[in-house]
C-alpha atoms as a PDB file:
ATOM      1  CA  MET A   1     129.576  91.764  38.423  1.00  0.00           C
ATOM      2  CA  THR A   2     127.443  92.419  41.476  1.00  0.00           C
ATOM      3  CA  SER A   3     128.995  92.181  44.936  1.00  0.00           C
ATOM      4  CA  TYR A   4     126.732  91.124  47.810  1.00  0.00           C
ATOM      5  CA  LEU A   5     127.533  91.295  51.517  1.00  0.00           C
ATOM      6  CA  LEU A   6     125.258  89.100  53.652  1.00  0.00           C
ATOM      7  CA  ALA A   7     125.399  89.899  57.364  1.00  0.00           C
ATOM      8  CA  GLY A   8     124.213  87.723  60.214  1.00  0.00           C
ATOM      9  CA  GLY A   9     125.077  84.840  62.453  1.00  0.00           C
ATOM     10  CA  GLY A  10     125.441  83.746  66.024  1.00  0.00           C
ATOM     11  CA  THR A  11     122.782  81.046  65.847  1.00  0.00           C
ATOM     12  CA  ALA A  12     121.395  78.679  63.231  1.00  0.00           C
ATOM     13  CA  GLY A  13     118.256  80.830  63.057  1.00  0.00           C
ATOM     14  CA  HIS A  14     120.330  83.642  61.551  1.00  0.00           C
ATOM     15  CA  VAL A  15     122.897  81.591  59.631  1.00  0.00           C
ATOM     16  CA  ASN A  16     120.668  79.124  57.761  1.00  0.00           C
ATOM     17  CA  PRO A  17     118.419  81.708  56.012  1.00  0.00           C
ATOM     18  CA  LEU A  18     121.563  83.670  55.131  1.00  0.00           C
ATOM     19  CA  LEU A  19     123.168  80.607  53.528  1.00  0.00           C
ATOM     20  CA  ALA A  20     119.969  79.781  51.642  1.00  0.00           C
ATOM     21  CA  VAL A  21     119.972  83.264  50.080  1.00  0.00           C
ATOM     22  CA  ALA A  22     123.719  83.065  49.409  1.00  0.00           C
ATOM     23  CA  ASP A  23     123.200  79.785  47.559  1.00  0.00           C
ATOM     24  CA  GLY A  24     120.302  81.303  45.598  1.00  0.00           C
ATOM     25  CA  LEU A  25     122.417  84.272  44.518  1.00  0.00           C
ATOM     26  CA  ARG A  26     125.349  82.048  43.552  1.00  0.00           C
ATOM     27  CA  ASP A  27     123.134  79.622  41.625  1.00  0.00           C
ATOM     28  CA  ARG A  28     121.575  82.491  39.687  1.00  0.00           C
ATOM     29  CA  ASP A  29     124.889  84.143  38.846  1.00  0.00           C
ATOM     30  CA  PRO A  30     128.053  82.092  39.450  1.00  0.00           C
ATOM     31  CA  GLU A  31     130.135  85.179  38.594  1.00  0.00           C
ATOM     32  CA  ALA A  32     128.627  87.265  41.419  1.00  0.00           C
ATOM     33  CA  ALA A  33     130.720  87.978  44.498  1.00  0.00           C
ATOM     34  CA  VAL A  34     128.807  86.677  47.521  1.00  0.00           C
ATOM     35  CA  LEU A  35     130.540  87.494  50.793  1.00  0.00           C
ATOM     36  CA  VAL A  36     129.380  86.915  54.353  1.00  0.00           C
ATOM     37  CA  LEU A  37     129.906  89.189  57.352  1.00  0.00           C
ATOM     38  CA  GLY A  38     129.956  87.537  60.766  1.00  0.00           C
ATOM     39  CA  THR A  39     131.813  87.172  64.035  1.00  0.00           C
ATOM     40  CA  ALA A  40     134.665  84.837  64.827  1.00  0.00           C
ATOM     41  CA  GLU A  41     132.702  83.309  67.719  1.00  0.00           C
ATOM     42  CA  GLY A  42     129.368  82.501  66.095  1.00  0.00           C
ATOM     43  CA  LEU A  43     128.132  79.413  64.286  1.00  0.00           C
ATOM     44  CA  GLU A  44     128.907  81.184  61.027  1.00  0.00           C
ATOM     45  CA  SER A  45     132.647  80.827  61.670  1.00  0.00           C
ATOM     46  CA  ARG A  46     132.256  77.116  60.852  1.00  0.00           C
ATOM     47  CA  LEU A  47     129.225  76.905  58.585  1.00  0.00           C
ATOM     48  CA  VAL A  48     130.080  79.720  56.164  1.00  0.00           C
ATOM     49  CA  PRO A  49     133.539  78.444  55.094  1.00  0.00           C
ATOM     50  CA  GLU A  50     132.150  74.894  54.926  1.00  0.00           C
ATOM     51  CA  ARG A  51     129.612  76.132  52.352  1.00  0.00           C
ATOM     52  CA  GLY A  52     132.379  77.732  50.297  1.00  0.00           C
ATOM     53  CA  TYR A  53     131.898  81.423  51.125  1.00  0.00           C
ATOM     54  CA  GLU A  54     134.460  83.916  52.362  1.00  0.00           C
ATOM     55  CA  LEU A  55     133.709  85.098  55.898  1.00  0.00           C
ATOM     56  CA  LEU A  56     134.605  88.717  56.675  1.00  0.00           C
ATOM     57  CA  ILE A  57     135.014  89.265  60.401  1.00  0.00           C
ATOM     58  CA  VAL A  58     133.440  91.977  62.523  1.00  0.00           C
ATOM     59  CA  ASP A  59     133.758  92.329  66.299  1.00  0.00           C
ATOM     60  CA  LYS A  60     130.946  90.847  68.366  1.00  0.00           C
ATOM     61  CA  VAL A  61     129.359  93.828  70.137  1.00  0.00           C
ATOM     62  CA  PRO A  62     126.138  92.927  72.001  1.00  0.00           C
ATOM     63  CA  PHE A  63     123.714  95.730  72.754  1.00  0.00           C
ATOM     64  CA  PRO A  64     123.905  96.517  76.489  1.00  0.00           C
ATOM     65  CA  ARG A  65     120.912  95.345  78.509  1.00  0.00           C
ATOM     66  CA  ARG A  66     121.724  97.176  81.746  1.00  0.00           C
ATOM     67  CA  PRO A  67     123.977 100.025  82.937  1.00  0.00           C
ATOM     68  CA  ASN A  68     127.332  98.420  83.710  1.00  0.00           C
ATOM     69  CA  ARG A  69     130.947  98.432  82.547  1.00  0.00           C
ATOM     70  CA  GLN A  70     130.008  96.835  79.229  1.00  0.00           C
ATOM     71  CA  ALA A  71     127.461  99.581  78.614  1.00  0.00           C
ATOM     72  CA  LEU A  72     130.130 102.226  79.175  1.00  0.00           C
ATOM     73  CA  ALA A  73     132.432 100.512  76.673  1.00  0.00           C
ATOM     74  CA  PHE A  74     129.687  99.939  74.086  1.00  0.00           C
ATOM     75  CA  PRO A  75     129.876 103.221  72.100  1.00  0.00           C
ATOM     76  CA  ALA A  76     133.593 102.895  71.359  1.00  0.00           C
ATOM     77  CA  ARG A  77     133.311  99.180  70.558  1.00  0.00           C
ATOM     78  CA  PHE A  78     130.324  99.759  68.275  1.00  0.00           C
ATOM     79  CA  ARG A  79     132.124 102.559  66.422  1.00  0.00           C
ATOM     80  CA  ARG A  80     135.040 100.180  65.883  1.00  0.00           C
ATOM     81  CA  ALA A  81     132.682  97.504  64.479  1.00  0.00           C
ATOM     82  CA  ILE A  82     131.105 100.032  62.112  1.00  0.00           C
ATOM     83  CA  ALA A  83     134.574 101.074  60.911  1.00  0.00           C
ATOM     84  CA  GLN A  84     135.459  97.420  60.274  1.00  0.00           C
ATOM     85  CA  VAL A  85     132.376  96.933  58.097  1.00  0.00           C
ATOM     86  CA  ARG A  86     132.949 100.177  56.201  1.00  0.00           C
ATOM     87  CA  ASP A  87     136.439  98.948  55.403  1.00  0.00           C
ATOM     88  CA  HIS A  88     135.044  95.630  54.124  1.00  0.00           C
ATOM     89  CA  ILE A  89     132.498  97.469  51.955  1.00  0.00           C
ATOM     90  CA  ARG A  90     135.198  99.633  50.364  1.00  0.00           C
ATOM     91  CA  ARG A  91     137.752  96.858  49.907  1.00  0.00           C
ATOM     92  CA  HIS A  92     135.274  94.546  48.190  1.00  0.00           C
ATOM     93  CA  ASP A  93     133.298  97.245  46.340  1.00  0.00           C
ATOM     94  CA  ILE A  94     130.020  96.008  47.830  1.00  0.00           C
ATOM     95  CA  ASP A  95     126.862  96.917  45.888  1.00  0.00           C
ATOM     96  CA  VAL A  96     124.244  95.854  48.445  1.00  0.00           C
ATOM     97  CA  VAL A  97     124.160  94.637  52.056  1.00  0.00           C
ATOM     98  CA  VAL A  98     121.594  92.101  53.283  1.00  0.00           C
ATOM     99  CA  GLY A  99     121.112  91.604  57.026  1.00  0.00           C
ATOM    100  CA  PHE A 100     119.520  88.627  58.752  1.00  0.00           C
ATOM    101  CA  GLY A 101     119.818  89.792  62.361  1.00  0.00           C
ATOM    102  CA  GLY A 102     122.400  88.867  64.944  1.00  0.00           C
ATOM    103  CA  TYR A 103     125.539  90.621  66.121  1.00  0.00           C
ATOM    104  CA  ALA A 104     126.929  91.347  62.655  1.00  0.00           C
ATOM    105  CA  SER A 105     123.828  93.039  61.311  1.00  0.00           C
ATOM    106  CA  ALA A 106     123.606  96.205  63.418  1.00  0.00           C
ATOM    107  CA  PRO A 107     127.049  97.602  62.471  1.00  0.00           C
ATOM    108  CA  ALA A 108     126.447  96.424  58.890  1.00  0.00           C
ATOM    109  CA  TYR A 109     123.292  98.541  58.578  1.00  0.00           C
ATOM    110  CA  VAL A 110     124.998 101.653  59.942  1.00  0.00           C
ATOM    111  CA  ALA A 111     128.093 101.124  57.795  1.00  0.00           C
ATOM    112  CA  ALA A 112     126.015 100.610  54.642  1.00  0.00           C
ATOM    113  CA  ARG A 113     124.049 103.789  55.267  1.00  0.00           C
ATOM    114  CA  ARG A 114     127.223 105.814  55.808  1.00  0.00           C
ATOM    115  CA  GLU A 115     128.805 104.369  52.672  1.00  0.00           C
ATOM    116  CA  GLY A 116     125.730 105.097  50.579  1.00  0.00           C
ATOM    117  CA  VAL A 117     125.123 101.396  49.893  1.00  0.00           C
ATOM    118  CA  PRO A 118     121.522 100.117  49.907  1.00  0.00           C
ATOM    119  CA  PHE A 119     120.666  97.452  52.448  1.00  0.00           C
ATOM    120  CA  VAL A 120     117.882  94.938  52.897  1.00  0.00           C
ATOM    121  CA  VAL A 121     116.617  93.441  56.177  1.00  0.00           C
ATOM    122  CA  HIS A 122     115.168  89.956  56.645  1.00  0.00           C
ATOM    123  CA  GLU A 123     113.561  89.048  59.973  1.00  0.00           C
ATOM    124  CA  ALA A 124     113.019  85.349  60.664  1.00  0.00           C
ATOM    125  CA  ASN A 125     111.074  85.640  63.929  1.00  0.00           C
ATOM    126  CA  ALA A 126     107.596  86.966  64.567  1.00  0.00           C
ATOM    127  CA  LYS A 127     109.125  89.079  67.349  1.00  0.00           C
ATOM    128  CA  PRO A 128     111.997  91.003  65.727  1.00  0.00           C
ATOM    129  CA  GLY A 129     115.411  91.476  67.257  1.00  0.00           C
ATOM    130  CA  LEU A 130     116.773  94.896  68.132  1.00  0.00           C
ATOM    131  CA  ALA A 131     119.286  95.024  65.262  1.00  0.00           C
ATOM    132  CA  ASN A 132     116.537  94.538  62.686  1.00  0.00           C
ATOM    133  CA  VAL A 133     114.171  96.949  64.430  1.00  0.00           C
ATOM    134  CA  LEU A 134     116.816  99.655  64.112  1.00  0.00           C
ATOM    135  CA  GLY A 135     117.849  98.635  60.594  1.00  0.00           C
ATOM    136  CA  ALA A 136     114.302  98.599  59.242  1.00  0.00           C
ATOM    137  CA  ARG A 137     113.999 102.345  59.833  1.00  0.00           C
ATOM    138  CA  SER A 138     116.246 103.188  56.886  1.00  0.00           C
ATOM    139  CA  ALA A 139     116.387  99.961  54.856  1.00  0.00           C
ATOM    140  CA  ALA A 140     115.716  99.902  51.128  1.00  0.00           C
ATOM    141  CA  ALA A 141     113.446  96.880  51.697  1.00  0.00           C
ATOM    142  CA  VAL A 142     112.317  94.780  54.653  1.00  0.00           C
ATOM    143  CA  GLY A 143     111.181  91.167  54.446  1.00  0.00           C
ATOM    144  CA  VAL A 144     109.561  89.184  57.260  1.00  0.00           C
ATOM    145  CA  ALA A 145     108.882  85.475  57.573  1.00  0.00           C
ATOM    146  CA  PHE A 146     105.563  85.764  59.418  1.00  0.00           C
ATOM    147  CA  GLU A 147     102.411  87.802  58.988  1.00  0.00           C
ATOM    148  CA  GLY A 148     101.993  90.423  61.705  1.00  0.00           C
ATOM    149  CA  THR A 149     105.704  90.881  62.488  1.00  0.00           C
ATOM    150  CA  PRO A 150     105.945  94.433  63.900  1.00  0.00           C
ATOM    151  CA  LEU A 151     108.709  95.762  61.663  1.00  0.00           C
ATOM    152  CA  ARG A 152     108.512  99.052  59.785  1.00  0.00           C
ATOM    153  CA  GLY A 153     107.896  98.505  56.075  1.00  0.00           C
ATOM    154  CA  GLY A 154     107.867  94.733  56.472  1.00  0.00           C
ATOM    155  CA  GLU A 155     106.650  92.599  53.566  1.00  0.00           C
ATOM    156  CA  VAL A 156     105.798  88.945  54.128  1.00  0.00           C
ATOM    157  CA  VAL A 157     108.285  86.975  52.034  1.00  0.00           C
ATOM    158  CA  GLY A 158     108.539  83.765  54.038  1.00  0.00           C
ATOM    159  CA  MET A 159     111.658  82.011  55.230  1.00  0.00           C
ATOM    160  CA  PRO A 160     114.601  81.133  52.986  1.00  0.00           C
ATOM    161  CA  LEU A 161     114.759  77.361  53.439  1.00  0.00           C
ATOM    162  CA  ARG A 162     117.239  74.544  52.954  1.00  0.00           C
ATOM    163  CA  GLN A 163     117.269  73.172  49.412  1.00  0.00           C
ATOM    164  CA  GLU A 164     116.481  69.649  50.614  1.00  0.00           C
ATOM    165  CA  VAL A 165     113.237  70.970  52.126  1.00  0.00           C
ATOM    166  CA  ILE A 166     112.312  73.055  49.098  1.00  0.00           C
ATOM    167  CA  ALA A 167     112.825  70.116  46.740  1.00  0.00           C
ATOM    168  CA  LEU A 168     111.147  67.475  48.917  1.00  0.00           C
ATOM    169  CA  ASP A 169     108.312  65.462  47.363  1.00  0.00           C
ATOM    170  CA  ARG A 170     106.865  63.882  50.497  1.00  0.00           C
ATOM    171  CA  ALA A 171     104.659  61.339  48.727  1.00  0.00           C
ATOM    172  CA  ALA A 172     107.412  60.176  46.393  1.00  0.00           C
ATOM    173  CA  SER A 173     109.912  59.917  49.253  1.00  0.00           C
ATOM    174  CA  ARG A 174     107.675  58.211  51.810  1.00  0.00           C
ATOM    175  CA  ALA A 175     108.716  54.618  51.054  1.00  0.00           C
ATOM    176  CA  GLU A 176     112.419  55.527  51.152  1.00  0.00           C
ATOM    177  CA  ALA A 177     111.878  57.477  54.387  1.00  0.00           C
ATOM    178  CA  ALA A 178     110.008  54.632  56.080  1.00  0.00           C
ATOM    179  CA  GLU A 179     112.749  52.175  55.162  1.00  0.00           C
ATOM    180  CA  TYR A 180     115.424  54.601  56.398  1.00  0.00           C
ATOM    181  CA  PHE A 181     113.813  54.766  59.849  1.00  0.00           C
ATOM    182  CA  GLY A 182     112.653  51.146  60.000  1.00  0.00           C
ATOM    183  CA  LEU A 183     108.969  52.021  59.833  1.00  0.00           C
ATOM    184  CA  ASP A 184     105.972  50.819  57.804  1.00  0.00           C
ATOM    185  CA  ALA A 185     105.087  53.249  54.992  1.00  0.00           C
ATOM    186  CA  GLU A 186     101.472  52.036  55.042  1.00  0.00           C
ATOM    187  CA  ARG A 187     100.858  53.083  58.652  1.00  0.00           C
ATOM    188  CA  PRO A 188     100.662  56.657  60.025  1.00  0.00           C
ATOM    189  CA  VAL A 189     103.670  58.209  61.754  1.00  0.00           C
ATOM    190  CA  LEU A 190     103.861  60.755  64.574  1.00  0.00           C
ATOM    191  CA  LEU A 191     107.133  62.692  64.446  1.00  0.00           C
ATOM    192  CA  VAL A 192     108.336  64.238  67.719  1.00  0.00           C
ATOM    193  CA  PHE A 193     111.458  66.397  67.942  1.00  0.00           C
ATOM    194  CA  GLY A 194     112.766  69.398  69.819  1.00  0.00           C
ATOM    195  CA  GLY A 195     115.639  70.652  67.673  1.00  0.00           C
ATOM    196  CA  SER A 196     119.276  69.573  67.516  1.00  0.00           C
ATOM    197  CA  LEU A 197     119.649  69.681  71.293  1.00  0.00           C
ATOM    198  CA  GLY A 198     116.231  68.161  71.905  1.00  0.00           C
ATOM    199  CA  ALA A 199     113.565  69.216  74.343  1.00  0.00           C
ATOM    200  CA  GLN A 200     113.556  67.549  77.714  1.00  0.00           C
ATOM    201  CA  ARG A 201     109.880  68.279  78.308  1.00  0.00           C
ATOM    202  CA  LEU A 202     108.864  66.556  75.091  1.00  0.00           C
ATOM    203  CA  ASN A 203     111.186  63.623  75.735  1.00  0.00           C
ATOM    204  CA  GLU A 204     109.831  63.050  79.241  1.00  0.00           C
ATOM    205  CA  ALA A 205     106.238  63.233  78.021  1.00  0.00           C
ATOM    206  CA  LEU A 206     106.825  60.647  75.286  1.00  0.00           C
ATOM    207  CA  ALA A 207     108.822  58.389  77.613  1.00  0.00           C
ATOM    208  CA  ASP A 208     105.627  58.121  79.660  1.00  0.00           C
ATOM    209  CA  SER A 209     103.200  57.785  76.742  1.00  0.00           C
ATOM    210  CA  TRP A 210     104.823  56.074  73.753  1.00  0.00           C
ATOM    211  CA  ARG A 211     102.839  52.908  74.379  1.00  0.00           C
ATOM    212  CA  ASP A 212      99.599  54.907  74.113  1.00  0.00           C
ATOM    213  CA  VAL A 213     100.709  56.289  70.733  1.00  0.00           C
ATOM    214  CA  LEU A 214     101.454  52.795  69.440  1.00  0.00           C
ATOM    215  CA  ASP A 215      98.201  51.436  70.898  1.00  0.00           C
ATOM    216  CA  ALA A 216      96.345  54.092  68.869  1.00  0.00           C
ATOM    217  CA  GLY A 217      97.625  52.391  65.712  1.00  0.00           C
ATOM    218  CA  TRP A 218     100.335  54.963  64.985  1.00  0.00           C
ATOM    219  CA  GLN A 219     104.080  54.620  64.722  1.00  0.00           C
ATOM    220  CA  LEU A 220     106.426  56.998  66.520  1.00  0.00           C
ATOM    221  CA  LEU A 221     109.553  58.634  65.120  1.00  0.00           C
ATOM    222  CA  HIS A 222     111.209  60.344  68.085  1.00  0.00           C
ATOM    223  CA  VAL A 223     114.310  62.518  67.691  1.00  0.00           C
ATOM    224  CA  THR A 224     115.439  63.142  71.253  1.00  0.00           C
ATOM    225  CA  GLY A 225     118.466  65.384  70.733  1.00  0.00           C
ATOM    226  CA  GLU A 226     122.113  64.575  71.251  1.00  0.00           C
ATOM    227  CA  ARG A 227     122.110  65.360  74.979  1.00  0.00           C
ATOM    228  CA  SER A 228     119.288  62.988  75.804  1.00  0.00           C
ATOM    229  CA  ASP A 229     119.887  59.736  77.669  1.00  0.00           C
ATOM    230  CA  LEU A 230     116.372  58.432  76.995  1.00  0.00           C
ATOM    231  CA  ALA A 231     116.512  54.660  76.602  1.00  0.00           C
ATOM    232  CA  ASP A 232     115.335  53.059  73.370  1.00  0.00           C
ATOM    233  CA  PRO A 233     112.677  50.449  74.247  1.00  0.00           C
ATOM    234  CA  GLY A 234     113.541  48.570  71.053  1.00  0.00           C
ATOM    235  CA  VAL A 235     109.979  47.814  70.001  1.00  0.00           C
ATOM    236  CA  ALA A 236     108.540  47.683  66.509  1.00  0.00           C
ATOM    237  CA  GLY A 237     106.905  50.920  65.445  1.00  0.00           C
ATOM    238  CA  TYR A 238     108.999  53.119  67.750  1.00  0.00           C
ATOM    239  CA  SER A 239     112.048  54.583  66.007  1.00  0.00           C
ATOM    240  CA  LEU A 240     114.174  56.569  68.493  1.00  0.00           C
ATOM    241  CA  HIS A 241     117.209  58.611  67.432  1.00  0.00           C
ATOM    242  CA  ARG A 242     119.516  61.056  69.214  1.00  0.00           C
ATOM    243  CA  TYR A 243     120.122  62.991  66.015  1.00  0.00           C
ATOM    244  CA  VAL A 244     118.934  62.732  62.409  1.00  0.00           C
ATOM    245  CA  ASP A 245     121.008  63.936  59.466  1.00  0.00           C
ATOM    246  CA  ARG A 246     118.117  63.431  57.048  1.00  0.00           C
ATOM    247  CA  MET A 247     115.339  65.556  58.499  1.00  0.00           C
ATOM    248  CA  ASP A 248     113.925  65.766  54.988  1.00  0.00           C
ATOM    249  CA  LEU A 249     113.145  62.039  55.241  1.00  0.00           C
ATOM    250  CA  ALA A 250     111.699  62.529  58.728  1.00  0.00           C
ATOM    251  CA  PHE A 251     109.344  65.140  57.271  1.00  0.00           C
ATOM    252  CA  ALA A 252     108.541  62.865  54.330  1.00  0.00           C
ATOM    253  CA  VAL A 253     107.225  60.076  56.558  1.00  0.00           C
ATOM    254  CA  ALA A 254     105.444  62.291  59.132  1.00  0.00           C
ATOM    255  CA  ASP A 255     101.646  62.499  59.156  1.00  0.00           C
ATOM    256  CA  LEU A 256     101.559  64.692  62.285  1.00  0.00           C
ATOM    257  CA  ILE A 257     104.311  66.517  64.175  1.00  0.00           C
ATOM    258  CA  VAL A 258     104.798  67.489  67.808  1.00  0.00           C
ATOM    259  CA  SER A 259     107.667  69.957  68.203  1.00  0.00           C
ATOM    260  CA  ARG A 260     108.920  73.271  69.498  1.00  0.00           C
ATOM    261  CA  SER A 261     108.063  76.306  67.370  1.00  0.00           C
ATOM    262  CA  GLY A 262     111.304  77.956  66.415  1.00  0.00           C
ATOM    263  CA  ALA A 263     111.036  80.133  63.324  1.00  0.00           C
ATOM    264  CA  ALA A 264     112.814  77.709  60.987  1.00  0.00           C
ATOM    265  CA  THR A 265     110.898  74.704  62.337  1.00  0.00           C
ATOM    266  CA  VAL A 266     107.507  76.355  61.814  1.00  0.00           C
ATOM    267  CA  SER A 267     108.519  77.630  58.375  1.00  0.00           C
ATOM    268  CA  GLU A 268     109.722  74.216  57.178  1.00  0.00           C
ATOM    269  CA  ILE A 269     106.710  72.330  58.541  1.00  0.00           C
ATOM    270  CA  SER A 270     104.296  74.891  57.061  1.00  0.00           C
ATOM    271  CA  ALA A 271     106.100  74.930  53.706  1.00  0.00           C
ATOM    272  CA  LEU A 272     105.721  71.140  53.514  1.00  0.00           C
ATOM    273  CA  GLY A 273     102.047  71.198  54.496  1.00  0.00           C
ATOM    274  CA  ILE A 274     102.331  68.977  57.580  1.00  0.00           C
ATOM    275  CA  PRO A 275      99.823  69.415  60.450  1.00  0.00           C
ATOM    276  CA  ALA A 276     101.477  70.098  63.787  1.00  0.00           C
ATOM    277  CA  LEU A 277     101.040  70.449  67.521  1.00  0.00           C
ATOM    278  CA  TYR A 278     103.497  73.073  68.739  1.00  0.00           C
ATOM    279  CA  VAL A 279     104.810  73.259  72.298  1.00  0.00           C
ATOM    280  CA  PRO A 280     106.462  76.709  72.438  1.00  0.00           C
ATOM    281  CA  TYR A 281     109.580  76.974  74.557  1.00  0.00           C
ATOM    282  CA  SER A 282     108.550  78.858  77.687  1.00  0.00           C
ATOM    283  CA  VAL A 283     111.901  80.584  78.314  1.00  0.00           C
ATOM    284  CA  GLY A 284     112.775  83.747  76.403  1.00  0.00           C
ATOM    285  CA  ASN A 285     110.746  86.577  74.946  1.00  0.00           C
ATOM    286  CA  GLY A 286     107.727  84.546  73.860  1.00  0.00           C
ATOM    287  CA  GLU A 287     108.735  84.518  70.200  1.00  0.00           C
ATOM    288  CA  GLN A 288     108.034  80.801  69.729  1.00  0.00           C
ATOM    289  CA  ARG A 289     104.338  81.253  70.517  1.00  0.00           C
ATOM    290  CA  LEU A 290     104.187  84.132  68.040  1.00  0.00           C
ATOM    291  CA  ASN A 291     106.057  82.152  65.383  1.00  0.00           C
ATOM    292  CA  ALA A 292     103.295  79.554  65.377  1.00  0.00           C
ATOM    293  CA  ALA A 293     100.430  82.072  65.345  1.00  0.00           C
ATOM    294  CA  SER A 294      99.884  82.181  61.573  1.00  0.00           C
ATOM    295  CA  ALA A 295      99.819  78.370  61.261  1.00  0.00           C
ATOM    296  CA  VAL A 296      97.371  78.173  64.173  1.00  0.00           C
ATOM    297  CA  ALA A 297      95.179  80.878  62.642  1.00  0.00           C
ATOM    298  CA  ALA A 298      95.123  78.964  59.353  1.00  0.00           C
ATOM    299  CA  GLY A 299      93.926  75.812  61.159  1.00  0.00           C
ATOM    300  CA  ALA A 300      97.146  73.939  60.308  1.00  0.00           C
ATOM    301  CA  ALA A 301      98.421  73.697  63.870  1.00  0.00           C
ATOM    302  CA  GLU A 302      97.481  73.898  67.522  1.00  0.00           C
ATOM    303  CA  LEU A 303      99.390  75.203  70.537  1.00  0.00           C
ATOM    304  CA  LEU A 304     100.051  73.151  73.663  1.00  0.00           C
ATOM    305  CA  ASP A 305     101.330  74.617  76.912  1.00  0.00           C
ATOM    306  CA  ASP A 306     104.889  73.711  77.863  1.00  0.00           C
ATOM    307  CA  ALA A 307     104.178  73.849  81.597  1.00  0.00           C
ATOM    308  CA  THR A 308     101.497  71.143  81.406  1.00  0.00           C
ATOM    309  CA  PHE A 309     102.870  69.031  78.566  1.00  0.00           C
ATOM    310  CA  ASP A 310     103.479  65.582  80.053  1.00  0.00           C
ATOM    311  CA  GLY A 311     102.443  61.992  79.482  1.00  0.00           C
ATOM    312  CA  ASP A 312      98.902  62.709  80.633  1.00  0.00           C
ATOM    313  CA  ALA A 313      98.662  65.608  78.160  1.00  0.00           C
ATOM    314  CA  VAL A 314      99.704  63.248  75.362  1.00  0.00           C
ATOM    315  CA  ARG A 315      97.011  60.789  76.395  1.00  0.00           C
ATOM    316  CA  ARG A 316      94.405  63.539  76.877  1.00  0.00           C
ATOM    317  CA  ILE A 317      95.130  65.683  73.783  1.00  0.00           C
ATOM    318  CA  VAL A 318      97.442  63.991  71.301  1.00  0.00           C
ATOM    319  CA  VAL A 319      96.128  60.417  71.335  1.00  0.00           C
ATOM    320  CA  PRO A 320      92.473  61.438  70.691  1.00  0.00           C
ATOM    321  CA  LEU A 321      93.695  63.507  67.724  1.00  0.00           C
ATOM    322  CA  LEU A 322      95.516  60.454  66.351  1.00  0.00           C
ATOM    323  CA  GLY A 323      92.147  58.688  66.240  1.00  0.00           C
ATOM    324  CA  ASP A 324      90.461  61.540  64.379  1.00  0.00           C
ATOM    325  CA  ARG A 325      91.731  61.159  60.822  1.00  0.00           C
ATOM    326  CA  GLU A 326      89.148  63.618  59.444  1.00  0.00           C
ATOM    327  CA  ARG A 327      90.423  66.352  61.758  1.00  0.00           C
ATOM    328  CA  ILE A 328      94.030  65.611  60.810  1.00  0.00           C
ATOM    329  CA  ALA A 329      93.036  65.730  57.135  1.00  0.00           C
ATOM    330  CA  ARG A 330      91.474  69.181  57.662  1.00  0.00           C
ATOM    331  CA  MET A 331      94.635  70.372  59.392  1.00  0.00           C
ATOM    332  CA  ALA A 332      96.753  68.986  56.551  1.00  0.00           C
ATOM    333  CA  ALA A 333      94.604  70.768  53.959  1.00  0.00           C
ATOM    334  CA  ALA A 334      94.979  74.020  55.897  1.00  0.00           C
ATOM    335  CA  ALA A 335      98.723  73.427  56.190  1.00  0.00           C
ATOM    336  CA  GLU A 336      99.009  73.391  52.392  1.00  0.00           C
ATOM    337  CA  THR A 337      98.191  77.117  52.391  1.00  0.00           C
ATOM    338  CA  ALA A 338     100.022  78.111  55.594  1.00  0.00           C
ATOM    339  CA  GLY A 339     103.582  78.268  54.292  1.00  0.00           C
ATOM    340  CA  THR A 340     105.728  78.903  51.244  1.00  0.00           C
ATOM    341  CA  ARG A 341     108.777  77.319  49.652  1.00  0.00           C
ATOM    342  CA  SER A 342     109.680  80.516  47.782  1.00  0.00           C
ATOM    343  CA  GLY A 343     111.262  82.472  50.650  1.00  0.00           C
ATOM    344  CA  THR A 344     114.707  82.515  49.037  1.00  0.00           C
ATOM    345  CA  GLU A 345     113.397  83.811  45.712  1.00  0.00           C
ATOM    346  CA  ASN A 346     111.266  86.408  47.502  1.00  0.00           C
ATOM    347  CA  VAL A 347     114.246  87.784  49.439  1.00  0.00           C
ATOM    348  CA  ILE A 348     116.324  87.915  46.255  1.00  0.00           C
ATOM    349  CA  THR A 349     113.509  89.923  44.648  1.00  0.00           C
ATOM    350  CA  LEU A 350     113.818  92.466  47.481  1.00  0.00           C
ATOM    351  CA  ILE A 351     117.584  92.622  46.920  1.00  0.00           C
ATOM    352  CA  ASP A 352     117.129  93.210  43.186  1.00  0.00           C
ATOM    353  CA  ARG A 353     114.607  95.929  43.896  1.00  0.00           C
ATOM    354  CA  ALA A 354     117.017  97.659  46.271  1.00  0.00           C
ATOM    355  CA  LEU A 355     119.766  97.567  43.642  1.00  0.00           C
ATOM    356  CA  VAL A 356     117.510  99.027  40.940  1.00  0.00           C
ATOM    357  CA  ALA A 357     116.390 101.837  43.239  1.00  0.00           C
ATOM    358  CA  ALA A 358     119.943 102.707  44.327  1.00  0.00           C
END
């Protein structure tokens, strides 16, 4: 029986690919021991047990960003985290460690190396995090979601995706999806969303331009996010929701998407072959713009600037595109080749290779 330790967490971007690989390993071999390493504070503390996996705890030890009291305490705290992971590896007789970034991964990589256990790195973002940059230097294998990710030894394997996305037949599900959202399956649909918390910039732009979208002959499916107080105008063809449990159905009915460009969002949209207009979040390290680069290069997507994305930008850029069905068709054809649904299997192949080489 093989024992796997999957390390990662903190945010959905780290937890969801981890869970997809965990499910893939468990489906392939129900007798395998699949354990997850994470912190008590991260999203994994809820999602991992809910999915039926044992969560092994490691201290949350952020890398210091500036010389201060936390920086002085970092070496001792990091050594303690490494010791915790080494203890987990010994107690559970771990055969291989797989890291997905986040607070749990850095001590996991060091602990695995010191215990003589092979480890694999998966990086979801086009701009890698520090833990994975360090881990890639001595990993048995390194997988990246996007072409051009600057990670030593990185192989493009794609993103491990949710099963409901992998299994989605958009054409076969379109009628069900349209009925679910109160839309007409025979008319085109623009899907706009900004993630679970929404995107205020996108919401404000569509609040000022939804009539223009409808006047162009399109319907609008707008997922505003749970924090939004945007009023629903209650008109036919405009389906507004704070949150959607069935994003697979939202993807099934979408003919064009306007969204942020988080790694998982871009990977899912590309895997499903849907043309998109991405509005990268302007705060942070610029990773969202990089995440979308491969889809843009393939002709499947275009980038819009967050700072100037408003109602006028929708009327000036988006609405003319809605009227150009040939251009959308070309983008859709390009989108068919821009992504992959086999990210989970590809990561598992890396894991198997690391085990064979050990």
